Amino acid sequence: MDQQELDDAYDQIKYAPNRTADRKGVTPQTARQFAERLGAPKRLSYGSTPIEGADLYATKRANAPINIFIHGGAWRVGLARDAAYPAERS
């Protein structure tokens, strides 16, 4: 691979050209609704730096199904809290 091919391999816009349009569905209102429904996440650390952590959104319902969402941050761009429906952090 040359440098351009290597750069393209790590650029998600090459694989999701509708990313910008898709993100327009995430508004302050949807984020607020998400936060109101689930509350603030519990931050679980798996490393020594602040970025090495996972957010746990718990339910009060016993034996509820779970959903695991892994956001890679595009390796070089973005934060997990900006993905999907970000909730307000405490």
C-alpha atoms as a PDB file:
ATOM      1  CA  MET A   1       0.000   0.000   0.000  1.00  0.00           C
ATOM      2  CA  ASP A   2       1.122   3.495  -0.685  1.00  0.00           C
ATOM      3  CA  GLN A   3       0.521   6.264   1.883  1.00  0.00           C
ATOM      4  CA  GLN A   4      -2.799   7.337   0.319  1.00  0.00           C
ATOM      5  CA  GLU A   5      -4.169   3.779   0.362  1.00  0.00           C
ATOM      6  CA  LEU A   6      -3.050   3.394   3.968  1.00  0.00           C
ATOM      7  CA  ASP A   7      -4.685   6.696   4.964  1.00  0.00           C
ATOM      8  CA  ASP A   8      -7.888   5.685   3.153  1.00  0.00           C
ATOM      9  CA  ALA A   9      -7.965   2.360   5.014  1.00  0.00           C
ATOM     10  CA  TYR A  10      -8.305   4.287   8.302  1.00  0.00           C
ATOM     11  CA  ASP A  11     -10.756   6.905   7.029  1.00  0.00           C
ATOM     12  CA  GLN A  12     -14.315   5.799   7.743  1.00  0.00           C
ATOM     13  CA  ILE A  13     -15.840   8.314   5.348  1.00  0.00           C
ATOM     14  CA  LYS A  14     -14.492   6.093   2.554  1.00  0.00           C
ATOM     15  CA  TYR A  15     -16.700   3.259   3.826  1.00  0.00           C
ATOM     16  CA  ALA A  16     -19.653   5.277   5.134  1.00  0.00           C
ATOM     17  CA  PRO A  17     -20.146   8.185   2.738  1.00  0.00           C
ATOM     18  CA  ASN A  18     -23.548   8.901   4.342  1.00  0.00           C
ATOM     19  CA  ARG A  19     -22.007   9.379   7.797  1.00  0.00           C
ATOM     20  CA  THR A  20     -22.600  13.130   7.888  1.00  0.00           C
ATOM     21  CA  ALA A  21     -26.265  12.810   6.906  1.00  0.00           C
ATOM     22  CA  ASP A  22     -26.757   9.966   9.367  1.00  0.00           C
ATOM     23  CA  ARG A  23     -25.311  11.987  12.255  1.00  0.00           C
ATOM     24  CA  LYS A  24     -27.883  14.757  11.672  1.00  0.00           C
ATOM     25  CA  GLY A  25     -30.427  12.482  13.385  1.00  0.00           C
ATOM     26  CA  VAL A  26     -28.535  12.893  16.656  1.00  0.00           C
ATOM     27  CA  THR A  27     -29.780  16.173  18.041  1.00  0.00           C
ATOM     28  CA  PRO A  28     -29.578  17.802  21.450  1.00  0.00           C
ATOM     29  CA  GLN A  29     -33.214  16.713  21.931  1.00  0.00           C
ATOM     30  CA  THR A  30     -32.496  13.017  21.244  1.00  0.00           C
ATOM     31  CA  ALA A  31     -29.449  13.167  23.520  1.00  0.00           C
ATOM     32  CA  ARG A  32     -31.571  14.744  26.262  1.00  0.00           C
ATOM     33  CA  GLN A  33     -34.275  12.082  25.854  1.00  0.00           C
ATOM     34  CA  PHE A  34     -31.647   9.371  26.071  1.00  0.00           C
ATOM     35  CA  ALA A  35     -30.184  10.882  29.248  1.00  0.00           C
ATOM     36  CA  GLU A  36     -33.621  11.273  30.830  1.00  0.00           C
ATOM     37  CA  ARG A  37     -34.476   7.646  30.128  1.00  0.00           C
ATOM     38  CA  LEU A  38     -31.218   6.002  31.193  1.00  0.00           C
ATOM     39  CA  GLY A  39     -29.524   8.552  33.420  1.00  0.00           C
ATOM     40  CA  ALA A  40     -25.824   9.261  33.548  1.00  0.00           C
ATOM     41  CA  PRO A  41     -23.497   6.349  32.843  1.00  0.00           C
ATOM     42  CA  LYS A  42     -21.173   4.764  35.352  1.00  0.00           C
ATOM     43  CA  ARG A  43     -17.621   5.143  34.036  1.00  0.00           C
ATOM     44  CA  LEU A  44     -15.605   1.920  34.196  1.00  0.00           C
ATOM     45  CA  SER A  45     -11.849   2.255  33.845  1.00  0.00           C
ATOM     46  CA  TYR A  46      -9.741  -0.331  32.036  1.00  0.00           C
ATOM     47  CA  GLY A  47      -6.532   1.676  31.891  1.00  0.00           C
ATOM     48  CA  SER A  48      -4.567   4.441  33.526  1.00  0.00           C
ATOM     49  CA  THR A  49      -5.702   7.351  31.337  1.00  0.00           C
ATOM     50  CA  PRO A  50      -9.159   8.986  31.221  1.00  0.00           C
ATOM     51  CA  ILE A  51      -9.772   7.851  27.651  1.00  0.00           C
ATOM     52  CA  GLU A  52      -9.340   4.204  28.707  1.00  0.00           C
ATOM     53  CA  GLY A  53     -12.824   3.661  29.994  1.00  0.00           C
ATOM     54  CA  ALA A  54     -16.246   2.326  29.155  1.00  0.00           C
ATOM     55  CA  ASP A  55     -19.650   3.752  29.973  1.00  0.00           C
ATOM     56  CA  LEU A  56     -22.185   1.486  31.662  1.00  0.00           C
ATOM     57  CA  TYR A  57     -25.837   2.461  31.315  1.00  0.00           C
ATOM     58  CA  ALA A  58     -27.670   0.253  33.784  1.00  0.00           C
ATOM     59  CA  THR A  59     -31.339  -0.622  33.883  1.00  0.00           C
ATOM     60  CA  LYS A  60     -33.493  -1.109  36.934  1.00  0.00           C
ATOM     61  CA  ARG A  61     -35.282  -4.041  35.291  1.00  0.00           C
ATOM     62  CA  ALA A  62     -34.158  -7.462  36.493  1.00  0.00           C
ATOM     63  CA  ASN A  63     -32.851  -9.870  33.856  1.00  0.00           C
ATOM     64  CA  ALA A  64     -33.129  -7.249  31.147  1.00  0.00           C
ATOM     65  CA  PRO A  65     -31.400  -7.954  27.835  1.00  0.00           C
ATOM     66  CA  ILE A  66     -28.142  -6.118  27.241  1.00  0.00           C
ATOM     67  CA  ASN A  67     -26.717  -4.229  24.328  1.00  0.00           C
ATOM     68  CA  ILE A  68     -22.991  -3.706  23.903  1.00  0.00           C
ATOM     69  CA  PHE A  69     -21.957  -0.833  21.677  1.00  0.00           C
ATOM     70  CA  ILE A  70     -18.279  -0.531  20.879  1.00  0.00           C
ATOM     71  CA  HIS A  71     -17.193   2.743  19.364  1.00  0.00           C
ATOM     72  CA  GLY A  72     -13.719   2.644  17.918  1.00  0.00           C
ATOM     73  CA  GLY A  73     -13.468   6.413  17.680  1.00  0.00           C
ATOM     74  CA  ALA A  74     -12.339   5.957  14.080  1.00  0.00           C
ATOM     75  CA  TRP A  75      -8.992   5.253  15.708  1.00  0.00           C
ATOM     76  CA  ARG A  76      -7.945   8.863  15.229  1.00  0.00           C
ATOM     77  CA  VAL A  77     -11.146  10.904  15.373  1.00  0.00           C
ATOM     78  CA  GLY A  78     -14.086  11.222  17.713  1.00  0.00           C
ATOM     79  CA  LEU A  79     -15.109  10.165  21.185  1.00  0.00           C
ATOM     80  CA  ALA A  80     -17.499   7.441  22.298  1.00  0.00           C
ATOM     81  CA  ARG A  81     -19.648  10.018  24.062  1.00  0.00           C
ATOM     82  CA  ASP A  82     -20.350  11.609  20.658  1.00  0.00           C
ATOM     83  CA  ALA A  83     -21.537   8.362  19.092  1.00  0.00           C
ATOM     84  CA  ALA A  84     -25.085   7.049  18.883  1.00  0.00           C
ATOM     85  CA  TYR A  85     -27.144   9.016  21.417  1.00  0.00           C
ATOM     86  CA  PRO A  86     -24.757  10.658  23.835  1.00  0.00           C
ATOM     87  CA  ALA A  87     -26.045  11.297  27.316  1.00  0.00           C
ATOM     88  CA  GLU A  88     -25.033  14.176  29.502  1.00  0.00           C
ATOM     89  CA  ARG A  89     -22.034  13.337  31.643  1.00  0.00           C
ATOM     90  CA  SER A  90     -21.940  14.175  35.311  1.00  0.00           C
END
